[in-house]
Amino acid sequence: METVGDVGERALIALFARAAQAAPSGGRDDVVIGSGDDAAVFSPSGPVVVSTDTAVADRHFRFDYSSPRQIGARAVVQSAADISAMGGTLTGVVVSIGCPTQTPVERLLEINAGIVAQTHRYGARLLGGDLVAAPTVVITVTSLGVLDGTAAVTLSGARPGDVLALSGPMGGPAAGLAALAADDRAAVDRYRTLVDDYRLPQPDPAQGPIAARCGARAMTDVSDGLVEELVTMAAASDVRIDVRSSAVPHAARLGELAADLGVDPIRWALVGGEEHELLAAFAPDAVPPGWTVIGDVAEAGHVAGAYIDGEPVGDIRGWQSFTDVGDR
């Protein structure tokens, strides 16, 4: 089996560039010069939104849990979600991959295939990137998007009297990861949809621009767990956020798997993360169709913060990057 060291950087980059040449069906025409040159050039139709995310093998993903193609696609999903969370529409991505020299070429080509496919699925273009030697596989995706006639929606705009709403269900990725970690083949097969939620979340990126047009006052994607995002939004907006746990929508079959594994499903829904669905604050009459209202925004009082069922969240927190937790 050929390795990256056998083939070399330039030959691999040429293969990556060839895979990126095709424009997505119905894609935007912002790109002037795409992948294959020293840099990409694009002519945006509005203010540009930029976000970068990095995924590290055995920290954020595992090759025994997901295929290389799923891992590449997932890296695009998590970066592009930040564009959507600002109310933007994805235009293109730039990708940097680091890997050991003994990495099989086929693994890298499959990661790249997942990146290209997911980028095109979002109607965007792969604009280029870099390939370097590294001790482990590292994928960094920089997403670029545009704001089409709306202002960027920040974290700090939630106001007393607003309601909080979610664009989709919670808990699926955490539950799927738990099924894989249990090393129970039957459970993985029985709860395939939850495992798929972990391997490749499928948020709708169009919901960000939709929320912006509906007047969302604050917004973020749920990447580090719902509670973590509530705490962050409350602090940024200097408000009190109250959420009813019974109102939080759950991924299908979450309760069944939780019962099988002896886990409280609400914990997966509140702290699991990686759904990349959107959490936003709206005026009560402005919530978009299909979104679920889960709570309210009030004056901060003495201390801004997040509350679940009337109690401060306390030590119930989501993903923390600099901890000893092994993987997402």
C-alpha atoms as a PDB file:
ATOM      1  CA  MET A   1       0.000   0.000   0.000  1.00  0.00           C
ATOM      2  CA  GLU A   2       1.427   3.382  -1.026  1.00  0.00           C
ATOM      3  CA  THR A   3       1.994   5.880   1.731  1.00  0.00           C
ATOM      4  CA  VAL A   4       2.139   9.651   1.738  1.00  0.00           C
ATOM      5  CA  GLY A   5       5.913   9.402   2.045  1.00  0.00           C
ATOM      6  CA  ASP A   6       6.073   7.227  -1.089  1.00  0.00           C
ATOM      7  CA  VAL A   7       4.004   9.565  -3.253  1.00  0.00           C
ATOM      8  CA  GLY A   8       5.081  12.980  -1.950  1.00  0.00           C
ATOM      9  CA  GLU A   9       3.347  16.275  -1.233  1.00  0.00           C
ATOM     10  CA  ARG A  10       3.144  17.715  -4.746  1.00  0.00           C
ATOM     11  CA  ALA A  11       1.610  14.627  -6.324  1.00  0.00           C
ATOM     12  CA  LEU A  12      -1.007  14.438  -3.587  1.00  0.00           C
ATOM     13  CA  ILE A  13      -1.851  18.125  -3.836  1.00  0.00           C
ATOM     14  CA  ALA A  14      -2.319  17.680  -7.587  1.00  0.00           C
ATOM     15  CA  LEU A  15      -4.791  14.863  -6.890  1.00  0.00           C
ATOM     16  CA  PHE A  16      -6.609  17.021  -4.337  1.00  0.00           C
ATOM     17  CA  ALA A  17      -6.796  19.952  -6.762  1.00  0.00           C
ATOM     18  CA  ARG A  18      -8.196  17.734  -9.517  1.00  0.00           C
ATOM     19  CA  ALA A  19     -10.939  16.499  -7.175  1.00  0.00           C
ATOM     20  CA  ALA A  20     -11.823  20.090  -6.287  1.00  0.00           C
ATOM     21  CA  GLN A  21     -12.090  21.416  -9.835  1.00  0.00           C
ATOM     22  CA  ALA A  22     -15.734  20.561 -10.474  1.00  0.00           C
ATOM     23  CA  ALA A  23     -18.122  23.269  -9.341  1.00  0.00           C
ATOM     24  CA  PRO A  24     -21.140  22.108  -7.320  1.00  0.00           C
ATOM     25  CA  SER A  25     -24.431  21.873  -9.127  1.00  0.00           C
ATOM     26  CA  GLY A  26     -26.247  25.173  -8.719  1.00  0.00           C
ATOM     27  CA  GLY A  27     -23.254  26.646  -6.917  1.00  0.00           C
ATOM     28  CA  ARG A  28     -22.515  30.344  -6.478  1.00  0.00           C
ATOM     29  CA  ASP A  29     -20.385  32.238  -8.991  1.00  0.00           C
ATOM     30  CA  ASP A  30     -18.327  34.137  -6.391  1.00  0.00           C
ATOM     31  CA  VAL A  31     -15.143  32.153  -7.125  1.00  0.00           C
ATOM     32  CA  VAL A  32     -12.839  33.793  -9.687  1.00  0.00           C
ATOM     33  CA  ILE A  33      -9.826  31.483  -9.225  1.00  0.00           C
ATOM     34  CA  GLY A  34     -10.293  28.235  -7.329  1.00  0.00           C
ATOM     35  CA  SER A  35      -8.056  25.402  -6.196  1.00  0.00           C
ATOM     36  CA  GLY A  36      -4.790  24.743  -8.020  1.00  0.00           C
ATOM     37  CA  ASP A  37      -3.073  28.158  -7.955  1.00  0.00           C
ATOM     38  CA  ASP A  38      -0.994  29.866  -5.259  1.00  0.00           C
ATOM     39  CA  ALA A  39      -4.148  31.308  -3.714  1.00  0.00           C
ATOM     40  CA  ALA A  40      -7.865  31.439  -4.395  1.00  0.00           C
ATOM     41  CA  VAL A  41      -9.664  34.563  -5.530  1.00  0.00           C
ATOM     42  CA  PHE A  42     -13.353  35.231  -5.076  1.00  0.00           C
ATOM     43  CA  SER A  43     -15.612  38.213  -5.498  1.00  0.00           C
ATOM     44  CA  PRO A  44     -18.217  38.150  -2.698  1.00  0.00           C
ATOM     45  CA  SER A  45     -21.682  39.620  -3.043  1.00  0.00           C
ATOM     46  CA  GLY A  46     -21.767  40.864   0.550  1.00  0.00           C
ATOM     47  CA  PRO A  47     -19.731  41.093   3.775  1.00  0.00           C
ATOM     48  CA  VAL A  48     -17.444  38.073   4.206  1.00  0.00           C
ATOM     49  CA  VAL A  49     -17.752  35.684   7.176  1.00  0.00           C
ATOM     50  CA  VAL A  50     -14.703  33.532   8.056  1.00  0.00           C
ATOM     51  CA  SER A  51     -14.316  30.676  10.552  1.00  0.00           C
ATOM     52  CA  THR A  52     -11.665  28.022  11.220  1.00  0.00           C
ATOM     53  CA  ASP A  53     -11.978  24.659  12.967  1.00  0.00           C
ATOM     54  CA  THR A  54      -9.360  21.982  13.606  1.00  0.00           C
ATOM     55  CA  ALA A  55      -9.997  18.276  14.197  1.00  0.00           C
ATOM     56  CA  VAL A  56      -7.264  16.010  15.594  1.00  0.00           C
ATOM     57  CA  ALA A  57      -7.183  12.215  15.332  1.00  0.00           C
ATOM     58  CA  ASP A  58      -8.002  10.420  18.604  1.00  0.00           C
ATOM     59  CA  ARG A  59      -9.096  13.711  20.110  1.00  0.00           C
ATOM     60  CA  HIS A  60     -11.992  14.775  17.878  1.00  0.00           C
ATOM     61  CA  PHE A  61     -12.404  11.660  15.719  1.00  0.00           C
ATOM     62  CA  ARG A  62     -11.312   8.027  15.540  1.00  0.00           C
ATOM     63  CA  PHE A  63     -10.644   5.971  12.445  1.00  0.00           C
ATOM     64  CA  ASP A  64     -12.132   2.889  14.139  1.00  0.00           C
ATOM     65  CA  TYR A  65     -15.404   4.777  14.694  1.00  0.00           C
ATOM     66  CA  SER A  66     -15.787   6.588  11.360  1.00  0.00           C
ATOM     67  CA  SER A  67     -14.642   6.156   7.779  1.00  0.00           C
ATOM     68  CA  PRO A  68     -12.069   8.607   6.355  1.00  0.00           C
ATOM     69  CA  ARG A  69     -14.758   9.981   4.029  1.00  0.00           C
ATOM     70  CA  GLN A  70     -17.103  10.642   6.974  1.00  0.00           C
ATOM     71  CA  ILE A  71     -14.274  12.278   8.914  1.00  0.00           C
ATOM     72  CA  GLY A  72     -13.516  14.655   6.041  1.00  0.00           C
ATOM     73  CA  ALA A  73     -17.172  15.546   5.551  1.00  0.00           C
ATOM     74  CA  ARG A  74     -17.676  16.060   9.281  1.00  0.00           C
ATOM     75  CA  ALA A  75     -14.780  18.536   9.401  1.00  0.00           C
ATOM     76  CA  VAL A  76     -16.603  20.651   6.806  1.00  0.00           C
ATOM     77  CA  VAL A  77     -19.906  20.430   8.704  1.00  0.00           C
ATOM     78  CA  GLN A  78     -18.418  21.692  11.956  1.00  0.00           C
ATOM     79  CA  SER A  79     -16.629  24.618  10.319  1.00  0.00           C
ATOM     80  CA  ALA A  80     -19.484  25.606   8.006  1.00  0.00           C
ATOM     81  CA  ALA A  81     -21.908  25.612  10.960  1.00  0.00           C
ATOM     82  CA  ASP A  82     -20.150  28.702  12.302  1.00  0.00           C
ATOM     83  CA  ILE A  83     -20.902  30.533   9.056  1.00  0.00           C
ATOM     84  CA  SER A  84     -24.563  29.580   9.337  1.00  0.00           C
ATOM     85  CA  ALA A  85     -24.604  30.671  12.984  1.00  0.00           C
ATOM     86  CA  MET A  86     -23.689  34.204  11.900  1.00  0.00           C
ATOM     87  CA  GLY A  87     -26.530  34.202   9.382  1.00  0.00           C
ATOM     88  CA  GLY A  88     -24.153  33.616   6.472  1.00  0.00           C
ATOM     89  CA  THR A  89     -24.173  31.369   3.413  1.00  0.00           C
ATOM     90  CA  LEU A  90     -21.125  29.200   2.768  1.00  0.00           C
ATOM     91  CA  THR A  91     -19.139  30.129  -0.363  1.00  0.00           C
ATOM     92  CA  GLY A  92     -16.016  28.018  -0.060  1.00  0.00           C
ATOM     93  CA  VAL A  93     -13.570  26.216   2.185  1.00  0.00           C
ATOM     94  CA  VAL A  94      -9.793  26.078   2.475  1.00  0.00           C
ATOM     95  CA  VAL A  95      -8.396  22.890   3.995  1.00  0.00           C
ATOM     96  CA  SER A  96      -5.054  22.075   5.615  1.00  0.00           C
ATOM     97  CA  ILE A  97      -4.204  18.450   6.403  1.00  0.00           C
ATOM     98  CA  GLY A  98      -1.306  17.255   8.501  1.00  0.00           C
ATOM     99  CA  CYS A  99      -0.417  13.554   8.669  1.00  0.00           C
ATOM    100  CA  PRO A 100       2.433  11.117   9.385  1.00  0.00           C
ATOM    101  CA  THR A 101       4.532  10.097   6.368  1.00  0.00           C
ATOM    102  CA  GLN A 102       3.390   6.471   6.741  1.00  0.00           C
ATOM    103  CA  THR A 103      -0.288   7.416   6.277  1.00  0.00           C
ATOM    104  CA  PRO A 104      -1.809   5.378   3.417  1.00  0.00           C
ATOM    105  CA  VAL A 105      -2.498   7.520   0.365  1.00  0.00           C
ATOM    106  CA  GLU A 106      -5.947   5.980   0.028  1.00  0.00           C
ATOM    107  CA  ARG A 107      -6.878   7.264   3.498  1.00  0.00           C
ATOM    108  CA  LEU A 108      -5.993  10.830   2.554  1.00  0.00           C
ATOM    109  CA  LEU A 109      -7.795  10.599  -0.775  1.00  0.00           C
ATOM    110  CA  GLU A 110     -10.926   9.392   1.030  1.00  0.00           C
ATOM    111  CA  ILE A 111     -10.714  12.225   3.584  1.00  0.00           C
ATOM    112  CA  ASN A 112     -10.420  14.655   0.689  1.00  0.00           C
ATOM    113  CA  ALA A 113     -13.344  13.020  -1.114  1.00  0.00           C
ATOM    114  CA  GLY A 114     -15.505  13.571   1.965  1.00  0.00           C
ATOM    115  CA  ILE A 115     -14.404  17.200   2.182  1.00  0.00           C
ATOM    116  CA  VAL A 116     -15.187  17.846  -1.494  1.00  0.00           C
ATOM    117  CA  ALA A 117     -18.540  16.046  -1.402  1.00  0.00           C
ATOM    118  CA  GLN A 118     -19.778  17.866   1.709  1.00  0.00           C
ATOM    119  CA  THR A 119     -18.573  21.236   0.429  1.00  0.00           C
ATOM    120  CA  HIS A 120     -20.417  20.702  -2.858  1.00  0.00           C
ATOM    121  CA  ARG A 121     -23.484  19.462  -0.981  1.00  0.00           C
ATOM    122  CA  TYR A 122     -23.571  22.886   0.656  1.00  0.00           C
ATOM    123  CA  GLY A 123     -23.357  24.593  -2.731  1.00  0.00           C
ATOM    124  CA  ALA A 124     -19.810  25.828  -2.090  1.00  0.00           C
ATOM    125  CA  ARG A 125     -16.319  25.273  -3.521  1.00  0.00           C
ATOM    126  CA  LEU A 126     -13.088  23.796  -2.191  1.00  0.00           C
ATOM    127  CA  LEU A 127     -10.732  26.720  -2.766  1.00  0.00           C
ATOM    128  CA  GLY A 128      -7.402  25.090  -1.911  1.00  0.00           C
ATOM    129  CA  GLY A 129      -5.292  24.291   1.112  1.00  0.00           C
ATOM    130  CA  ASP A 130      -2.067  22.744   2.335  1.00  0.00           C
ATOM    131  CA  LEU A 131      -0.562  19.352   3.157  1.00  0.00           C
ATOM    132  CA  VAL A 132       2.165  18.927   5.779  1.00  0.00           C
ATOM    133  CA  ALA A 133       3.877  16.199   7.781  1.00  0.00           C
ATOM    134  CA  ALA A 134       2.602  15.876  11.364  1.00  0.00           C
ATOM    135  CA  PRO A 135       2.738  13.345  14.208  1.00  0.00           C
ATOM    136  CA  THR A 136      -0.949  12.505  13.751  1.00  0.00           C
ATOM    137  CA  VAL A 137      -3.757  13.307  11.316  1.00  0.00           C
ATOM    138  CA  VAL A 138      -4.970  16.896  11.746  1.00  0.00           C
ATOM    139  CA  ILE A 139      -7.645  18.499   9.560  1.00  0.00           C
ATOM    140  CA  THR A 140      -8.140  22.262   9.622  1.00  0.00           C
ATOM    141  CA  VAL A 141     -11.055  23.703   7.644  1.00  0.00           C
ATOM    142  CA  THR A 142     -11.398  27.430   7.080  1.00  0.00           C
ATOM    143  CA  SER A 143     -14.879  28.306   5.868  1.00  0.00           C
ATOM    144  CA  LEU A 144     -15.775  31.478   4.004  1.00  0.00           C
ATOM    145  CA  GLY A 145     -19.290  32.772   3.568  1.00  0.00           C
ATOM    146  CA  VAL A 146     -21.258  35.876   2.746  1.00  0.00           C
ATOM    147  CA  LEU A 147     -24.103  37.788   4.323  1.00  0.00           C
ATOM    148  CA  ASP A 148     -26.781  38.280   1.689  1.00  0.00           C
ATOM    149  CA  GLY A 149     -28.551  41.455   2.707  1.00  0.00           C
ATOM    150  CA  THR A 150     -28.689  40.820   6.462  1.00  0.00           C
ATOM    151  CA  ALA A 151     -26.489  41.901   9.358  1.00  0.00           C
ATOM    152  CA  ALA A 152     -24.339  39.315  11.106  1.00  0.00           C
ATOM    153  CA  VAL A 153     -26.088  37.702  14.074  1.00  0.00           C
ATOM    154  CA  THR A 154     -23.783  37.708  17.085  1.00  0.00           C
ATOM    155  CA  LEU A 155     -23.852  36.003  20.474  1.00  0.00           C
ATOM    156  CA  SER A 156     -24.406  39.228  22.349  1.00  0.00           C
ATOM    157  CA  GLY A 157     -27.814  40.393  21.091  1.00  0.00           C
ATOM    158  CA  ALA A 158     -30.261  38.423  23.270  1.00  0.00           C
ATOM    159  CA  ARG A 159     -32.703  40.760  25.066  1.00  0.00           C
ATOM    160  CA  PRO A 160     -35.070  40.351  28.005  1.00  0.00           C
ATOM    161  CA  GLY A 161     -38.427  39.221  26.660  1.00  0.00           C
ATOM    162  CA  ASP A 162     -36.913  37.133  23.859  1.00  0.00           C
ATOM    163  CA  VAL A 163     -37.513  33.413  23.539  1.00  0.00           C
ATOM    164  CA  LEU A 164     -34.823  30.817  22.866  1.00  0.00           C
ATOM    165  CA  ALA A 165     -35.289  28.276  20.106  1.00  0.00           C
ATOM    166  CA  LEU A 166     -33.437  25.359  18.504  1.00  0.00           C
ATOM    167  CA  SER A 167     -33.344  24.496  14.817  1.00  0.00           C
ATOM    168  CA  GLY A 168     -33.210  20.740  15.445  1.00  0.00           C
ATOM    169  CA  PRO A 169     -32.996  17.896  17.972  1.00  0.00           C
ATOM    170  CA  MET A 170     -30.288  17.366  20.565  1.00  0.00           C
ATOM    171  CA  GLY A 171     -28.368  14.360  21.851  1.00  0.00           C
ATOM    172  CA  GLY A 172     -27.905  12.268  18.708  1.00  0.00           C
ATOM    173  CA  PRO A 173     -24.113  12.556  18.313  1.00  0.00           C
ATOM    174  CA  ALA A 174     -23.428  11.953  22.019  1.00  0.00           C
ATOM    175  CA  ALA A 175     -25.708   8.916  21.996  1.00  0.00           C
ATOM    176  CA  GLY A 176     -24.109   7.554  18.842  1.00  0.00           C
ATOM    177  CA  LEU A 177     -20.656   7.974  20.348  1.00  0.00           C
ATOM    178  CA  ALA A 178     -21.812   6.162  23.490  1.00  0.00           C
ATOM    179  CA  ALA A 179     -23.079   3.253  21.368  1.00  0.00           C
ATOM    180  CA  LEU A 180     -19.707   3.000  19.618  1.00  0.00           C
ATOM    181  CA  ALA A 181     -17.785   3.289  22.889  1.00  0.00           C
ATOM    182  CA  ALA A 182     -19.851   0.475  24.406  1.00  0.00           C
ATOM    183  CA  ASP A 183     -18.253  -1.823  21.827  1.00  0.00           C
ATOM    184  CA  ASP A 184     -21.586  -3.562  21.290  1.00  0.00           C
ATOM    185  CA  ARG A 185     -22.048  -4.473  17.629  1.00  0.00           C
ATOM    186  CA  ALA A 186     -25.733  -5.198  18.136  1.00  0.00           C
ATOM    187  CA  ALA A 187     -26.315  -1.777  19.730  1.00  0.00           C
ATOM    188  CA  VAL A 188     -24.476  -0.034  16.894  1.00  0.00           C
ATOM    189  CA  ASP A 189     -26.663  -1.833  14.354  1.00  0.00           C
ATOM    190  CA  ARG A 190     -29.884  -1.300  16.328  1.00  0.00           C
ATOM    191  CA  TYR A 191     -29.286   2.427  16.748  1.00  0.00           C
ATOM    192  CA  ARG A 192     -27.711   3.115  13.373  1.00  0.00           C
ATOM    193  CA  THR A 193     -29.412   6.508  12.978  1.00  0.00           C
ATOM    194  CA  LEU A 194     -27.864   7.760  16.230  1.00  0.00           C
ATOM    195  CA  VAL A 195     -24.452   6.407  15.255  1.00  0.00           C
ATOM    196  CA  ASP A 196     -24.826   8.178  11.924  1.00  0.00           C
ATOM    197  CA  ASP A 197     -25.655  11.388  13.834  1.00  0.00           C
ATOM    198  CA  TYR A 198     -22.234  11.098  15.462  1.00  0.00           C
ATOM    199  CA  ARG A 199     -20.321  10.089  12.358  1.00  0.00           C
ATOM    200  CA  LEU A 200     -21.781  12.825  10.169  1.00  0.00           C
ATOM    201  CA  PRO A 201     -24.261  15.321  11.651  1.00  0.00           C
ATOM    202  CA  GLN A 202     -26.722  16.751   9.116  1.00  0.00           C
ATOM    203  CA  PRO A 203     -27.769  20.250  10.219  1.00  0.00           C
ATOM    204  CA  ASP A 204     -29.472  22.410   7.619  1.00  0.00           C
ATOM    205  CA  PRO A 205     -27.097  25.340   6.867  1.00  0.00           C
ATOM    206  CA  ALA A 206     -29.951  27.326   5.318  1.00  0.00           C
ATOM    207  CA  GLN A 207     -31.475  27.788   8.790  1.00  0.00           C
ATOM    208  CA  GLY A 208     -28.870  30.413   9.692  1.00  0.00           C
ATOM    209  CA  PRO A 209     -29.832  32.829   6.917  1.00  0.00           C
ATOM    210  CA  ILE A 210     -33.506  32.018   7.523  1.00  0.00           C
ATOM    211  CA  ALA A 211     -33.126  32.920  11.215  1.00  0.00           C
ATOM    212  CA  ALA A 212     -31.297  36.133  10.308  1.00  0.00           C
ATOM    213  CA  ARG A 213     -34.089  37.183   7.955  1.00  0.00           C
ATOM    214  CA  CYS A 214     -36.626  36.438  10.706  1.00  0.00           C
ATOM    215  CA  GLY A 215     -34.799  38.834  13.008  1.00  0.00           C
ATOM    216  CA  ALA A 216     -32.711  36.523  15.218  1.00  0.00           C
ATOM    217  CA  ARG A 217     -31.059  38.704  17.863  1.00  0.00           C
ATOM    218  CA  ALA A 218     -28.392  36.240  19.014  1.00  0.00           C
ATOM    219  CA  MET A 219     -27.317  32.920  17.548  1.00  0.00           C
ATOM    220  CA  THR A 220     -24.721  30.163  17.808  1.00  0.00           C
ATOM    221  CA  ASP A 221     -24.369  26.560  16.726  1.00  0.00           C
ATOM    222  CA  VAL A 222     -24.485  23.771  19.306  1.00  0.00           C
ATOM    223  CA  SER A 223     -20.993  22.349  19.000  1.00  0.00           C
ATOM    224  CA  ASP A 224     -19.842  22.092  22.618  1.00  0.00           C
ATOM    225  CA  GLY A 225     -23.129  21.067  24.213  1.00  0.00           C
ATOM    226  CA  LEU A 226     -26.372  22.983  24.683  1.00  0.00           C
ATOM    227  CA  VAL A 227     -25.569  24.054  28.252  1.00  0.00           C
ATOM    228  CA  GLU A 228     -22.161  25.359  27.198  1.00  0.00           C
ATOM    229  CA  GLU A 229     -23.744  27.455  24.453  1.00  0.00           C
ATOM    230  CA  LEU A 230     -26.410  28.776  26.858  1.00  0.00           C
ATOM    231  CA  VAL A 231     -23.731  29.870  29.325  1.00  0.00           C
ATOM    232  CA  THR A 232     -21.744  31.565  26.564  1.00  0.00           C
ATOM    233  CA  MET A 233     -24.771  33.401  25.128  1.00  0.00           C
ATOM    234  CA  ALA A 234     -25.972  34.523  28.559  1.00  0.00           C
ATOM    235  CA  ALA A 235     -22.557  35.958  29.422  1.00  0.00           C
ATOM    236  CA  ALA A 236     -22.115  37.646  26.029  1.00  0.00           C
ATOM    237  CA  SER A 237     -25.599  39.192  26.149  1.00  0.00           C
ATOM    238  CA  ASP A 238     -25.513  39.969  29.896  1.00  0.00           C
ATOM    239  CA  VAL A 239     -28.875  38.291  30.481  1.00  0.00           C
ATOM    240  CA  ARG A 240     -30.441  35.425  32.369  1.00  0.00           C
ATOM    241  CA  ILE A 241     -31.448  32.479  30.194  1.00  0.00           C
ATOM    242  CA  ASP A 242     -34.030  29.990  31.494  1.00  0.00           C
ATOM    243  CA  VAL A 243     -34.524  26.690  29.663  1.00  0.00           C
ATOM    244  CA  ARG A 244     -37.119  23.987  30.294  1.00  0.00           C
ATOM    245  CA  SER A 245     -35.441  20.600  29.920  1.00  0.00           C
ATOM    246  CA  SER A 246     -38.752  19.011  28.920  1.00  0.00           C
ATOM    247  CA  ALA A 247     -38.960  21.400  25.942  1.00  0.00           C
ATOM    248  CA  VAL A 248     -35.572  20.423  24.475  1.00  0.00           C
ATOM    249  CA  PRO A 249     -36.206  18.237  21.405  1.00  0.00           C
ATOM    250  CA  HIS A 250     -34.493  14.847  21.477  1.00  0.00           C
ATOM    251  CA  ALA A 251     -33.075  12.876  18.586  1.00  0.00           C
ATOM    252  CA  ALA A 252     -35.204   9.904  17.574  1.00  0.00           C
ATOM    253  CA  ARG A 253     -34.707   6.778  19.726  1.00  0.00           C
ATOM    254  CA  LEU A 254     -32.537   8.639  22.228  1.00  0.00           C
ATOM    255  CA  GLY A 255     -34.586   7.347  25.147  1.00  0.00           C
ATOM    256  CA  GLU A 256     -34.403   3.741  23.950  1.00  0.00           C
ATOM    257  CA  LEU A 257     -30.613   3.705  23.724  1.00  0.00           C
ATOM    258  CA  ALA A 258     -30.321   5.546  27.039  1.00  0.00           C
ATOM    259  CA  ALA A 259     -32.441   2.850  28.706  1.00  0.00           C
ATOM    260  CA  ASP A 260     -30.280   0.112  27.195  1.00  0.00           C
ATOM    261  CA  LEU A 261     -27.060   1.759  28.424  1.00  0.00           C
ATOM    262  CA  GLY A 262     -28.441   2.952  31.778  1.00  0.00           C
ATOM    263  CA  VAL A 263     -27.944   6.633  30.946  1.00  0.00           C
ATOM    264  CA  ASP A 264     -30.201   9.647  31.526  1.00  0.00           C
ATOM    265  CA  PRO A 265     -31.004  10.853  27.981  1.00  0.00           C
ATOM    266  CA  ILE A 266     -31.407  14.457  29.110  1.00  0.00           C
ATOM    267  CA  ARG A 267     -27.679  14.567  29.840  1.00  0.00           C
ATOM    268  CA  TRP A 268     -26.881  13.673  26.233  1.00  0.00           C
ATOM    269  CA  ALA A 269     -29.306  16.365  25.084  1.00  0.00           C
ATOM    270  CA  LEU A 270     -27.919  19.055  27.408  1.00  0.00           C
ATOM    271  CA  VAL A 271     -24.157  18.477  27.305  1.00  0.00           C
ATOM    272  CA  GLY A 272     -23.446  16.121  24.400  1.00  0.00           C
ATOM    273  CA  GLY A 273     -22.811  18.628  21.628  1.00  0.00           C
ATOM    274  CA  GLU A 274     -21.708  18.262  17.999  1.00  0.00           C
ATOM    275  CA  GLU A 275     -25.241  18.471  16.644  1.00  0.00           C
ATOM    276  CA  HIS A 276     -24.310  21.799  14.982  1.00  0.00           C
ATOM    277  CA  GLU A 277     -27.976  22.731  15.066  1.00  0.00           C
ATOM    278  CA  LEU A 278     -28.586  26.406  15.813  1.00  0.00           C
ATOM    279  CA  LEU A 279     -29.583  28.030  19.091  1.00  0.00           C
ATOM    280  CA  ALA A 280     -31.048  31.518  18.704  1.00  0.00           C
ATOM    281  CA  ALA A 281     -32.924  34.249  20.548  1.00  0.00           C
ATOM    282  CA  PHE A 282     -35.964  35.764  18.827  1.00  0.00           C
ATOM    283  CA  ALA A 283     -38.813  38.091  19.570  1.00  0.00           C
ATOM    284  CA  PRO A 284     -41.701  35.773  20.585  1.00  0.00           C
ATOM    285  CA  ASP A 285     -43.561  36.275  17.298  1.00  0.00           C
ATOM    286  CA  ALA A 286     -40.491  35.853  15.048  1.00  0.00           C
ATOM    287  CA  VAL A 287     -39.482  32.206  15.536  1.00  0.00           C
ATOM    288  CA  PRO A 288     -39.026  30.500  12.128  1.00  0.00           C
ATOM    289  CA  PRO A 289     -41.244  27.529  11.215  1.00  0.00           C
ATOM    290  CA  GLY A 290     -39.768  24.215  12.326  1.00  0.00           C
ATOM    291  CA  TRP A 291     -37.803  25.664  15.234  1.00  0.00           C
ATOM    292  CA  THR A 292     -38.587  24.614  18.822  1.00  0.00           C
ATOM    293  CA  VAL A 293     -38.916  27.152  21.627  1.00  0.00           C
ATOM    294  CA  ILE A 294     -37.074  25.875  24.725  1.00  0.00           C
ATOM    295  CA  GLY A 295     -36.894  28.855  27.054  1.00  0.00           C
ATOM    296  CA  ASP A 296     -36.867  32.578  27.744  1.00  0.00           C
ATOM    297  CA  VAL A 297     -34.488  35.491  28.193  1.00  0.00           C
ATOM    298  CA  ALA A 298     -34.805  37.756  31.247  1.00  0.00           C
ATOM    299  CA  GLU A 299     -32.929  40.583  32.946  1.00  0.00           C
ATOM    300  CA  ALA A 300     -29.627  39.400  34.384  1.00  0.00           C
ATOM    301  CA  GLY A 301     -30.330  40.634  37.887  1.00  0.00           C
ATOM    302  CA  HIS A 302     -27.168  40.373  39.996  1.00  0.00           C
ATOM    303  CA  VAL A 303     -25.482  37.738  37.803  1.00  0.00           C
ATOM    304  CA  ALA A 304     -25.933  36.818  34.152  1.00  0.00           C
ATOM    305  CA  GLY A 305     -26.206  33.101  33.622  1.00  0.00           C
ATOM    306  CA  ALA A 306     -28.005  30.035  32.348  1.00  0.00           C
ATOM    307  CA  TYR A 307     -30.648  28.113  34.278  1.00  0.00           C
ATOM    308  CA  ILE A 308     -32.208  24.713  33.606  1.00  0.00           C
ATOM    309  CA  ASP A 309     -35.646  24.163  35.158  1.00  0.00           C
ATOM    310  CA  GLY A 310     -35.071  27.138  37.451  1.00  0.00           C
ATOM    311  CA  GLU A 311     -31.686  25.971  38.744  1.00  0.00           C
ATOM    312  CA  PRO A 312     -28.276  27.414  37.747  1.00  0.00           C
ATOM    313  CA  VAL A 313     -26.355  25.013  35.520  1.00  0.00           C
ATOM    314  CA  GLY A 314     -23.452  24.909  37.989  1.00  0.00           C
ATOM    315  CA  ASP A 315     -20.994  22.152  37.118  1.00  0.00           C
ATOM    316  CA  ILE A 316     -23.145  20.726  34.310  1.00  0.00           C
ATOM    317  CA  ARG A 317     -20.991  21.786  31.393  1.00  0.00           C
ATOM    318  CA  GLY A 318     -20.170  20.627  27.876  1.00  0.00           C
ATOM    319  CA  TRP A 319     -17.003  20.024  25.896  1.00  0.00           C
ATOM    320  CA  GLN A 320     -13.825  21.723  27.150  1.00  0.00           C
ATOM    321  CA  SER A 321     -10.871  21.728  24.739  1.00  0.00           C
ATOM    322  CA  PHE A 322      -8.109  21.631  27.326  1.00  0.00           C
ATOM    323  CA  THR A 323      -9.164  18.702  29.483  1.00  0.00           C
ATOM    324  CA  ASP A 324      -8.090  15.082  29.664  1.00  0.00           C
ATOM    325  CA  VAL A 325     -11.188  13.841  27.814  1.00  0.00           C
ATOM    326  CA  GLY A 326     -10.037  11.437  25.095  1.00  0.00           C
ATOM    327  CA  ASP A 327     -12.322  12.253  22.204  1.00  0.00           C
ATOM    328  CA  ARG A 328     -15.594  13.969  21.304  1.00  0.00           C
END
